[in-house]
Amino acid sequence: MTFTKPEHIVTEHIEGTGHAGRKRSLVKTLSWRTIATTDTILIARFITGSWTIGLGIATIEVFTKMALYYLHERGWSSLDWGLEDVDVDAQALELRPVH
């Protein structure tokens, strides 16, 4: 879809702009799990008094919660809710180097 602004600048609406890719979701999953698992170890150690039990609990939950978070992130990534449409200068886009 092409739009003409009053200044006669042609812009192009790019569908899907702003959606997170799978790689970004995976990196966010891993970074968050590092923080959250450390929290789980410390809480379990505080409650049980045992580092072994804390590490055991964290070992199990790191895999289950990582999978759940990734699925949650991908689900949100497929939704347009809360994202704003983006219009770009079509001529500037054509001149942009491709990597």
PDB file of N, CA and C in Angstrom:
ATOM      1  N   MET A   1       0.852  -1.159   0.000  1.00  0.00           N
ATOM      2  CA  MET A   1       0.000   0.000   0.000  1.00  0.00           C
ATOM      3  C   MET A   1       0.907   1.233   0.000  1.00  0.00           C
ATOM      4  N   THR A   2       0.637   2.192  -0.843  1.00  0.00           N
ATOM      5  CA  THR A   2       1.449   3.396  -0.951  1.00  0.00           C
ATOM      6  C   THR A   2       0.618   4.610  -0.561  1.00  0.00           C
ATOM      7  N   PHE A   3       1.238   5.524   0.187  1.00  0.00           N
ATOM      8  CA  PHE A   3       0.575   6.734   0.646  1.00  0.00           C
ATOM      9  C   PHE A   3       1.327   7.945   0.106  1.00  0.00           C
ATOM     10  N   THR A   4       0.598   9.018  -0.137  1.00  0.00           N
ATOM     11  CA  THR A   4       1.244  10.272  -0.515  1.00  0.00           C
ATOM     12  C   THR A   4       0.937  11.289   0.563  1.00  0.00           C
ATOM     13  N   LYS A   5       1.979  11.832   1.161  1.00  0.00           N
ATOM     14  CA  LYS A   5       1.814  12.843   2.201  1.00  0.00           C
ATOM     15  C   LYS A   5       1.679  14.202   1.540  1.00  0.00           C
ATOM     16  N   PRO A   6       1.178  15.195   2.277  1.00  0.00           N
ATOM     17  CA  PRO A   6       1.035  16.539   1.714  1.00  0.00           C
ATOM     18  C   PRO A   6       2.335  17.086   1.136  1.00  0.00           C
ATOM     19  N   GLU A   7       3.481  16.691   1.669  1.00  0.00           N
ATOM     20  CA  GLU A   7       4.760  17.181   1.165  1.00  0.00           C
ATOM     21  C   GLU A   7       5.174  16.407  -0.089  1.00  0.00           C
ATOM     22  N   HIS A   8       4.308  15.539  -0.583  1.00  0.00           N
ATOM     23  CA  HIS A   8       4.553  14.708  -1.761  1.00  0.00           C
ATOM     24  C   HIS A   8       5.680  13.694  -1.551  1.00  0.00           C
ATOM     25  N   ILE A   9       5.835  13.265  -0.306  1.00  0.00           N
ATOM     26  CA  ILE A   9       6.779  12.191  -0.009  1.00  0.00           C
ATOM     27  C   ILE A   9       6.002  10.887  -0.066  1.00  0.00           C
ATOM     28  N   VAL A  10       6.474   9.973  -0.883  1.00  0.00           N
ATOM     29  CA  VAL A  10       5.805   8.679  -1.003  1.00  0.00           C
ATOM     30  C   VAL A  10       6.314   7.775   0.110  1.00  0.00           C
ATOM     31  N   THR A  11       5.378   7.238   0.869  1.00  0.00           N
ATOM     32  CA  THR A  11       5.757   6.312   1.928  1.00  0.00           C
ATOM     33  C   THR A  11       5.140   4.958   1.657  1.00  0.00           C
ATOM     34  N   GLU A  12       5.713   3.966   2.260  1.00  0.00           N
ATOM     35  CA  GLU A  12       5.234   2.602   2.079  1.00  0.00           C
ATOM     36  C   GLU A  12       4.999   1.998   3.453  1.00  0.00           C
ATOM     37  N   HIS A  13       3.855   1.350   3.616  1.00  0.00           N
ATOM     38  CA  HIS A  13       3.551   0.681   4.881  1.00  0.00           C
ATOM     39  C   HIS A  13       4.145  -0.720   4.817  1.00  0.00           C
ATOM     40  N   ILE A  14       4.932  -1.063   5.816  1.00  0.00           N
ATOM     41  CA  ILE A  14       5.550  -2.383   5.850  1.00  0.00           C
ATOM     42  C   ILE A  14       4.849  -3.217   6.909  1.00  0.00           C
ATOM     43  N   GLU A  15       4.135  -4.247   6.460  1.00  0.00           N
ATOM     44  CA  GLU A  15       3.445  -5.146   7.384  1.00  0.00           C
ATOM     45  C   GLU A  15       4.472  -5.907   8.205  1.00  0.00           C
ATOM     46  N   GLY A  16       4.171  -6.131   9.453  1.00  0.00           N
ATOM     47  CA  GLY A  16       5.034  -6.930  10.303  1.00  0.00           C
ATOM     48  C   GLY A  16       6.217  -6.194  10.886  1.00  0.00           C
ATOM     49  N   THR A  17       6.360  -4.917  10.575  1.00  0.00           N
ATOM     50  CA  THR A  17       7.463  -4.146  11.135  1.00  0.00           C
ATOM     51  C   THR A  17       7.291  -4.083  12.645  1.00  0.00           C
ATOM     52  N   GLY A  18       8.343  -4.344  13.355  1.00  0.00           N
ATOM     53  CA  GLY A  18       8.272  -4.299  14.806  1.00  0.00           C
ATOM     54  C   GLY A  18       8.056  -5.651  15.458  1.00  0.00           C
ATOM     55  N   HIS A  19       7.794  -6.693  14.670  1.00  0.00           N
ATOM     56  CA  HIS A  19       7.623  -8.017  15.247  1.00  0.00           C
ATOM     57  C   HIS A  19       8.983  -8.617  15.571  1.00  0.00           C
ATOM     58  N   ALA A  20       9.076  -9.284  16.688  1.00  0.00           N
ATOM     59  CA  ALA A  20      10.327  -9.917  17.099  1.00  0.00           C
ATOM     60  C   ALA A  20      10.527 -11.221  16.336  1.00  0.00           C
ATOM     61  N   GLY A  21      11.754 -11.472  15.938  1.00  0.00           N
ATOM     62  CA  GLY A  21      12.086 -12.709  15.251  1.00  0.00           C
ATOM     63  C   GLY A  21      12.356 -13.838  16.238  1.00  0.00           C
ATOM     64  N   ARG A  22      12.473 -15.049  15.723  1.00  0.00           N
ATOM     65  CA  ARG A  22      12.720 -16.217  16.562  1.00  0.00           C
ATOM     66  C   ARG A  22      14.058 -16.115  17.304  1.00  0.00           C
ATOM     67  N   LYS A  23      15.094 -15.605  16.621  1.00  0.00           N
ATOM     68  CA  LYS A  23      16.409 -15.483  17.251  1.00  0.00           C
ATOM     69  C   LYS A  23      16.340 -14.540  18.452  1.00  0.00           C
ATOM     70  N   ARG A  24      15.655 -13.409  18.287  1.00  0.00           N
ATOM     71  CA  ARG A  24      15.501 -12.459  19.393  1.00  0.00           C
ATOM     72  C   ARG A  24      14.748 -13.109  20.547  1.00  0.00           C
ATOM     73  N   SER A  25      13.679 -13.841  20.229  1.00  0.00           N
ATOM     74  CA  SER A  25      12.910 -14.521  21.275  1.00  0.00           C
ATOM     75  C   SER A  25      13.779 -15.522  22.026  1.00  0.00           C
ATOM     76  N   LEU A  26      14.619 -16.255  21.309  1.00  0.00           N
ATOM     77  CA  LEU A  26      15.484 -17.245  21.945  1.00  0.00           C
ATOM     78  C   LEU A  26      16.522 -16.577  22.850  1.00  0.00           C
ATOM     79  N   VAL A  27      17.148 -15.501  22.384  1.00  0.00           N
ATOM     80  CA  VAL A  27      18.144 -14.794  23.200  1.00  0.00           C
ATOM     81  C   VAL A  27      17.490 -14.198  24.446  1.00  0.00           C
ATOM     82  N   LYS A  28      16.291 -13.621  24.293  1.00  0.00           N
ATOM     83  CA  LYS A  28      15.570 -13.085  25.447  1.00  0.00           C
ATOM     84  C   LYS A  28      15.227 -14.203  26.428  1.00  0.00           C
ATOM     85  N   THR A  29      14.842 -15.359  25.897  1.00  0.00           N
ATOM     86  CA  THR A  29      14.525 -16.513  26.736  1.00  0.00           C
ATOM     87  C   THR A  29      15.735 -16.915  27.567  1.00  0.00           C
ATOM     88  N   LEU A  30      16.892 -17.036  26.925  1.00  0.00           N
ATOM     89  CA  LEU A  30      18.107 -17.465  27.627  1.00  0.00           C
ATOM     90  C   LEU A  30      18.564 -16.442  28.667  1.00  0.00           C
ATOM     91  N   SER A  31      18.515 -15.156  28.317  1.00  0.00           N
ATOM     92  CA  SER A  31      18.957 -14.141  29.280  1.00  0.00           C
ATOM     93  C   SER A  31      18.016 -14.083  30.480  1.00  0.00           C
ATOM     94  N   TRP A  32      16.714 -14.181  30.230  1.00  0.00           N
ATOM     95  CA  TRP A  32      15.767 -14.149  31.335  1.00  0.00           C
ATOM     96  C   TRP A  32      15.912 -15.387  32.208  1.00  0.00           C
ATOM     97  N   ARG A  33      16.119 -16.554  31.604  1.00  0.00           N
ATOM     98  CA  ARG A  33      16.246 -17.783  32.390  1.00  0.00           C
ATOM     99  C   ARG A  33      17.466 -17.730  33.298  1.00  0.00           C
ATOM    100  N   THR A  34      18.529 -17.089  32.869  1.00  0.00           N
ATOM    101  CA  THR A  34      19.715 -16.951  33.717  1.00  0.00           C
ATOM    102  C   THR A  34      19.358 -16.185  34.991  1.00  0.00           C
ATOM    103  N   ILE A  35      18.637 -15.092  34.829  1.00  0.00           N
ATOM    104  CA  ILE A  35      18.221 -14.284  35.979  1.00  0.00           C
ATOM    105  C   ILE A  35      17.234 -15.057  36.851  1.00  0.00           C
ATOM    106  N   ALA A  36      16.216 -15.626  36.234  1.00  0.00           N
ATOM    107  CA  ALA A  36      15.155 -16.298  36.983  1.00  0.00           C
ATOM    108  C   ALA A  36      15.650 -17.565  37.679  1.00  0.00           C
ATOM    109  N   THR A  37      16.552 -18.310  37.046  1.00  0.00           N
ATOM    110  CA  THR A  37      17.071 -19.529  37.663  1.00  0.00           C
ATOM    111  C   THR A  37      17.949 -19.200  38.865  1.00  0.00           C
ATOM    112  N   THR A  38      18.727 -18.144  38.763  1.00  0.00           N
ATOM    113  CA  THR A  38      19.520 -17.701  39.911  1.00  0.00           C
ATOM    114  C   THR A  38      18.595 -17.363  41.076  1.00  0.00           C
ATOM    115  N   ASP A  39      17.498 -16.701  40.787  1.00  0.00           N
ATOM    116  CA  ASP A  39      16.502 -16.368  41.800  1.00  0.00           C
ATOM    117  C   ASP A  39      15.925 -17.640  42.426  1.00  0.00           C
ATOM    118  N   THR A  40      15.594 -18.622  41.603  1.00  0.00           N
ATOM    119  CA  THR A  40      15.030 -19.881  42.100  1.00  0.00           C
ATOM    120  C   THR A  40      16.014 -20.602  43.015  1.00  0.00           C
ATOM    121  N   ILE A  41      17.280 -20.660  42.608  1.00  0.00           N
ATOM    122  CA  ILE A  41      18.305 -21.309  43.438  1.00  0.00           C
ATOM    123  C   ILE A  41      18.380 -20.638  44.809  1.00  0.00           C
ATOM    124  N   LEU A  42      18.425 -19.315  44.818  1.00  0.00           N
ATOM    125  CA  LEU A  42      18.549 -18.583  46.082  1.00  0.00           C
ATOM    126  C   LEU A  42      17.316 -18.750  46.974  1.00  0.00           C
ATOM    127  N   ILE A  43      16.133 -18.704  46.375  1.00  0.00           N
ATOM    128  CA  ILE A  43      14.906 -18.882  47.166  1.00  0.00           C
ATOM    129  C   ILE A  43      14.833 -20.301  47.724  1.00  0.00           C
ATOM    130  N   ALA A  44      15.109 -21.306  46.876  1.00  0.00           N
ATOM    131  CA  ALA A  44      15.062 -22.698  47.331  1.00  0.00           C
ATOM    132  C   ALA A  44      16.105 -22.948  48.421  1.00  0.00           C
ATOM    133  N   ARG A  45      17.273 -22.353  48.285  1.00  0.00           N
ATOM    134  CA  ARG A  45      18.328 -22.488  49.309  1.00  0.00           C
ATOM    135  C   ARG A  45      17.871 -21.857  50.618  1.00  0.00           C
ATOM    136  N   PHE A  46      17.248 -20.687  50.519  1.00  0.00           N
ATOM    137  CA  PHE A  46      16.761 -19.991  51.711  1.00  0.00           C
ATOM    138  C   PHE A  46      15.685 -20.813  52.425  1.00  0.00           C
ATOM    139  N   ILE A  47      14.758 -21.390  51.666  1.00  0.00           N
ATOM    140  CA  ILE A  47      13.650 -22.151  52.253  1.00  0.00           C
ATOM    141  C   ILE A  47      14.121 -23.487  52.819  1.00  0.00           C
ATOM    142  N   THR A  48      14.965 -24.206  52.055  1.00  0.00           N
ATOM    143  CA  THR A  48      15.372 -25.555  52.467  1.00  0.00           C
ATOM    144  C   THR A  48      16.670 -25.588  53.269  1.00  0.00           C
ATOM    145  N   GLY A  49      17.495 -24.554  53.122  1.00  0.00           N
ATOM    146  CA  GLY A  49      18.796 -24.559  53.783  1.00  0.00           C
ATOM    147  C   GLY A  49      19.827 -25.406  53.054  1.00  0.00           C
ATOM    148  N   SER A  50      19.469 -25.910  51.876  1.00  0.00           N
ATOM    149  CA  SER A  50      20.360 -26.812  51.140  1.00  0.00           C
ATOM    150  C   SER A  50      20.642 -26.287  49.736  1.00  0.00           C
ATOM    151  N   TRP A  51      21.947 -26.136  49.433  1.00  0.00           N
ATOM    152  CA  TRP A  51      22.328 -25.749  48.074  1.00  0.00           C
ATOM    153  C   TRP A  51      22.001 -26.872  47.097  1.00  0.00           C
ATOM    154  N   THR A  52      22.130 -28.119  47.515  1.00  0.00           N
ATOM    155  CA  THR A  52      21.864 -29.267  46.639  1.00  0.00           C
ATOM    156  C   THR A  52      20.403 -29.288  46.200  1.00  0.00           C
ATOM    157  N   ILE A  53      19.501 -29.097  47.139  1.00  0.00           N
ATOM    158  CA  ILE A  53      18.074 -29.068  46.798  1.00  0.00           C
ATOM    159  C   ILE A  53      17.770 -27.851  45.927  1.00  0.00           C
ATOM    160  N   GLY A  54      18.349 -26.717  46.261  1.00  0.00           N
ATOM    161  CA  GLY A  54      18.152 -25.506  45.452  1.00  0.00           C
ATOM    162  C   GLY A  54      18.584 -25.709  44.013  1.00  0.00           C
ATOM    163  N   LEU A  55      19.755 -26.311  43.833  1.00  0.00           N
ATOM    164  CA  LEU A  55      20.243 -26.587  42.473  1.00  0.00           C
ATOM    165  C   LEU A  55      19.384 -27.636  41.775  1.00  0.00           C
ATOM    166  N   GLY A  56      18.899 -28.619  42.527  1.00  0.00           N
ATOM    167  CA  GLY A  56      18.030 -29.651  41.946  1.00  0.00           C
ATOM    168  C   GLY A  56      16.723 -29.062  41.428  1.00  0.00           C
ATOM    169  N   ILE A  57      16.111 -28.227  42.229  1.00  0.00           N
ATOM    170  CA  ILE A  57      14.871 -27.562  41.811  1.00  0.00           C
ATOM    171  C   ILE A  57      15.129 -26.687  40.590  1.00  0.00           C
ATOM    172  N   ALA A  58      16.200 -25.922  40.628  1.00  0.00           N
ATOM    173  CA  ALA A  58      16.522 -25.019  39.514  1.00  0.00           C
ATOM    174  C   ALA A  58      16.821 -25.786  38.233  1.00  0.00           C
ATOM    175  N   THR A  59      17.451 -26.947  38.349  1.00  0.00           N
ATOM    176  CA  THR A  59      17.765 -27.754  37.166  1.00  0.00           C
ATOM    177  C   THR A  59      16.495 -28.188  36.445  1.00  0.00           C
ATOM    178  N   ILE A  60      15.490 -28.560  37.200  1.00  0.00           N
ATOM    179  CA  ILE A  60      14.217 -28.980  36.595  1.00  0.00           C
ATOM    180  C   ILE A  60      13.487 -27.780  36.001  1.00  0.00           C
ATOM    181  N   GLU A  61      13.362 -26.719  36.786  1.00  0.00           N
ATOM    182  CA  GLU A  61      12.557 -25.586  36.338  1.00  0.00           C
ATOM    183  C   GLU A  61      13.185 -24.797  35.200  1.00  0.00           C
ATOM    184  N   VAL A  62      14.493 -24.853  35.045  1.00  0.00           N
ATOM    185  CA  VAL A  62      15.116 -24.079  33.974  1.00  0.00           C
ATOM    186  C   VAL A  62      14.621 -24.556  32.607  1.00  0.00           C
ATOM    187  N   PHE A  63      14.452 -25.851  32.441  1.00  0.00           N
ATOM    188  CA  PHE A  63      14.009 -26.377  31.147  1.00  0.00           C
ATOM    189  C   PHE A  63      12.513 -26.173  30.924  1.00  0.00           C
ATOM    190  N   THR A  64      11.706 -26.433  31.945  1.00  0.00           N
ATOM    191  CA  THR A  64      10.264 -26.274  31.766  1.00  0.00           C
ATOM    192  C   THR A  64       9.885 -24.812  31.555  1.00  0.00           C
ATOM    193  N   LYS A  65      10.459 -23.928  32.336  1.00  0.00           N
ATOM    194  CA  LYS A  65      10.099 -22.513  32.215  1.00  0.00           C
ATOM    195  C   LYS A  65      10.687 -21.867  30.969  1.00  0.00           C
ATOM    196  N   MET A  66      11.842 -22.363  30.500  1.00  0.00           N
ATOM    197  CA  MET A  66      12.408 -21.829  29.266  1.00  0.00           C
ATOM    198  C   MET A  66      11.484 -22.156  28.092  1.00  0.00           C
ATOM    199  N   ALA A  67      10.998 -23.375  28.043  1.00  0.00           N
ATOM    200  CA  ALA A  67      10.082 -23.770  26.969  1.00  0.00           C
ATOM    201  C   ALA A  67       8.780 -22.967  27.047  1.00  0.00           C
ATOM    202  N   LEU A  68       8.237 -22.818  28.239  1.00  0.00           N
ATOM    203  CA  LEU A  68       6.997 -22.055  28.400  1.00  0.00           C
ATOM    204  C   LEU A  68       7.183 -20.590  28.021  1.00  0.00           C
ATOM    205  N   TYR A  69       8.298 -19.982  28.425  1.00  0.00           N
ATOM    206  CA  TYR A  69       8.550 -18.581  28.087  1.00  0.00           C
ATOM    207  C   TYR A  69       8.693 -18.407  26.579  1.00  0.00           C
ATOM    208  N   TYR A  70       9.437 -19.307  25.931  1.00  0.00           N
ATOM    209  CA  TYR A  70       9.636 -19.204  24.482  1.00  0.00           C
ATOM    210  C   TYR A  70       8.295 -19.283  23.758  1.00  0.00           C
ATOM    211  N   LEU A  71       7.446 -20.233  24.140  1.00  0.00           N
ATOM    212  CA  LEU A  71       6.119 -20.351  23.519  1.00  0.00           C
ATOM    213  C   LEU A  71       5.279 -19.099  23.786  1.00  0.00           C
ATOM    214  N   HIS A  72       5.354 -18.570  24.990  1.00  0.00           N
ATOM    215  CA  HIS A  72       4.633 -17.343  25.343  1.00  0.00           C
ATOM    216  C   HIS A  72       5.115 -16.176  24.486  1.00  0.00           C
ATOM    217  N   GLU A  73       6.429 -16.030  24.341  1.00  0.00           N
ATOM    218  CA  GLU A  73       7.021 -14.953  23.539  1.00  0.00           C
ATOM    219  C   GLU A  73       6.616 -15.077  22.073  1.00  0.00           C
ATOM    220  N   ARG A  74       6.641 -16.282  21.519  1.00  0.00           N
ATOM    221  CA  ARG A  74       6.266 -16.489  20.117  1.00  0.00           C
ATOM    222  C   ARG A  74       4.780 -16.198  19.920  1.00  0.00           C
ATOM    223  N   GLY A  75       3.967 -16.560  20.893  1.00  0.00           N
ATOM    224  CA  GLY A  75       2.541 -16.258  20.809  1.00  0.00           C
ATOM    225  C   GLY A  75       2.300 -14.762  20.742  1.00  0.00           C
ATOM    226  N   TRP A  76       2.951 -14.012  21.610  1.00  0.00           N
ATOM    227  CA  TRP A  76       2.821 -12.556  21.598  1.00  0.00           C
ATOM    228  C   TRP A  76       3.381 -11.956  20.319  1.00  0.00           C
ATOM    229  N   SER A  77       4.446 -12.552  19.791  1.00  0.00           N
ATOM    230  CA  SER A  77       5.067 -12.039  18.572  1.00  0.00           C
ATOM    231  C   SER A  77       4.132 -12.153  17.371  1.00  0.00           C
ATOM    232  N   SER A  78       3.202 -13.092  17.427  1.00  0.00           N
ATOM    233  CA  SER A  78       2.284 -13.274  16.302  1.00  0.00           C
ATOM    234  C   SER A  78       1.093 -12.314  16.355  1.00  0.00           C
ATOM    235  N   LEU A  79       0.968 -11.555  17.434  1.00  0.00           N
ATOM    236  CA  LEU A  79      -0.152 -10.624  17.592  1.00  0.00           C
ATOM    237  C   LEU A  79       0.253  -9.206  17.210  1.00  0.00           C
ATOM    238  N   ASP A  80      -0.675  -8.474  16.634  1.00  0.00           N
ATOM    239  CA  ASP A  80      -0.447  -7.068  16.315  1.00  0.00           C
ATOM    240  C   ASP A  80      -0.892  -6.153  17.453  1.00  0.00           C
ATOM    241  N   TRP A  81      -1.590  -6.703  18.443  1.00  0.00           N
ATOM    242  CA  TRP A  81      -2.133  -5.902  19.527  1.00  0.00           C
ATOM    243  C   TRP A  81      -1.016  -5.133  20.226  1.00  0.00           C
ATOM    244  N   GLY A  82      -1.193  -3.828  20.371  1.00  0.00           N
ATOM    245  CA  GLY A  82      -0.236  -2.987  21.068  1.00  0.00           C
ATOM    246  C   GLY A  82       0.908  -2.477  20.210  1.00  0.00           C
ATOM    247  N   LEU A  83       0.977  -2.900  18.951  1.00  0.00           N
ATOM    248  CA  LEU A  83       2.019  -2.418  18.045  1.00  0.00           C
ATOM    249  C   LEU A  83       1.438  -1.319  17.170  1.00  0.00           C
ATOM    250  N   GLU A  84       2.226  -0.305  16.904  1.00  0.00           N
ATOM    251  CA  GLU A  84       1.779   0.779  16.038  1.00  0.00           C
ATOM    252  C   GLU A  84       2.236   0.521  14.615  1.00  0.00           C
ATOM    253  N   ASP A  85       1.416   0.942  13.642  1.00  0.00           N
ATOM    254  CA  ASP A  85       1.798   0.836  12.240  1.00  0.00           C
ATOM    255  C   ASP A  85       2.975   1.762  11.966  1.00  0.00           C
ATOM    256  N   VAL A  86       3.816   1.366  11.036  1.00  0.00           N
ATOM    257  CA  VAL A  86       5.003   2.146  10.695  1.00  0.00           C
ATOM    258  C   VAL A  86       4.967   2.479   9.217  1.00  0.00           C
ATOM    259  N   ASP A  87       5.091   3.755   8.889  1.00  0.00           N
ATOM    260  CA  ASP A  87       5.224   4.202   7.508  1.00  0.00           C
ATOM    261  C   ASP A  87       6.659   4.668   7.325  1.00  0.00           C
ATOM    262  N   VAL A  88       7.251   4.284   6.204  1.00  0.00           N
ATOM    263  CA  VAL A  88       8.637   4.674   5.939  1.00  0.00           C
ATOM    264  C   VAL A  88       8.726   5.379   4.600  1.00  0.00           C
ATOM    265  N   ASP A  89       9.759   6.180   4.436  1.00  0.00           N
ATOM    266  CA  ASP A  89      10.033   6.859   3.178  1.00  0.00           C
ATOM    267  C   ASP A  89      10.508   5.804   2.181  1.00  0.00           C
ATOM    268  N   ALA A  90       9.699   5.513   1.167  1.00  0.00           N
ATOM    269  CA  ALA A  90      10.000   4.449   0.207  1.00  0.00           C
ATOM    270  C   ALA A  90      11.296   4.712  -0.546  1.00  0.00           C
ATOM    271  N   GLN A  91      11.577   5.961  -0.897  1.00  0.00           N
ATOM    272  CA  GLN A  91      12.811   6.280  -1.618  1.00  0.00           C
ATOM    273  C   GLN A  91      14.031   6.046  -0.734  1.00  0.00           C
ATOM    274  N   ALA A  92      13.966   6.437   0.515  1.00  0.00           N
ATOM    275  CA  ALA A  92      15.085   6.218   1.435  1.00  0.00           C
ATOM    276  C   ALA A  92      15.297   4.728   1.663  1.00  0.00           C
ATOM    277  N   LEU A  93      14.210   3.975   1.686  1.00  0.00           N
ATOM    278  CA  LEU A  93      14.303   2.535   1.878  1.00  0.00           C
ATOM    279  C   LEU A  93      15.032   1.877   0.719  1.00  0.00           C
ATOM    280  N   GLU A  94      14.791   2.354  -0.501  1.00  0.00           N
ATOM    281  CA  GLU A  94      15.462   1.801  -1.677  1.00  0.00           C
ATOM    282  C   GLU A  94      16.962   2.083  -1.645  1.00  0.00           C
ATOM    283  N   LEU A  95      17.375   3.202  -1.065  1.00  0.00           N
ATOM    284  CA  LEU A  95      18.781   3.589  -1.020  1.00  0.00           C
ATOM    285  C   LEU A  95      19.541   2.944   0.133  1.00  0.00           C
ATOM    286  N   ARG A  96      18.815   2.338   1.057  1.00  0.00           N
ATOM    287  CA  ARG A  96      19.443   1.734   2.232  1.00  0.00           C
ATOM    288  C   ARG A  96      20.249   0.501   1.832  1.00  0.00           C
ATOM    289  N   PRO A  97      21.504   0.387   2.298  1.00  0.00           N
ATOM    290  CA  PRO A  97      22.312  -0.784   1.949  1.00  0.00           C
ATOM    291  C   PRO A  97      21.724  -2.063   2.543  1.00  0.00           C
ATOM    292  N   VAL A  98      21.818  -3.127   1.792  1.00  0.00           N
ATOM    293  CA  VAL A  98      21.322  -4.429   2.245  1.00  0.00           C
ATOM    294  C   VAL A  98      22.501  -5.233   2.768  1.00  0.00           C
ATOM    295  N   HIS A  99      22.345  -5.807   3.945  1.00  0.00           N
ATOM    296  CA  HIS A  99      23.440  -6.583   4.555  1.00  0.00           C
ATOM    297  C   HIS A  99      23.274  -8.043   4.260  1.00  0.00           C
TER     298      HIS A  99
END
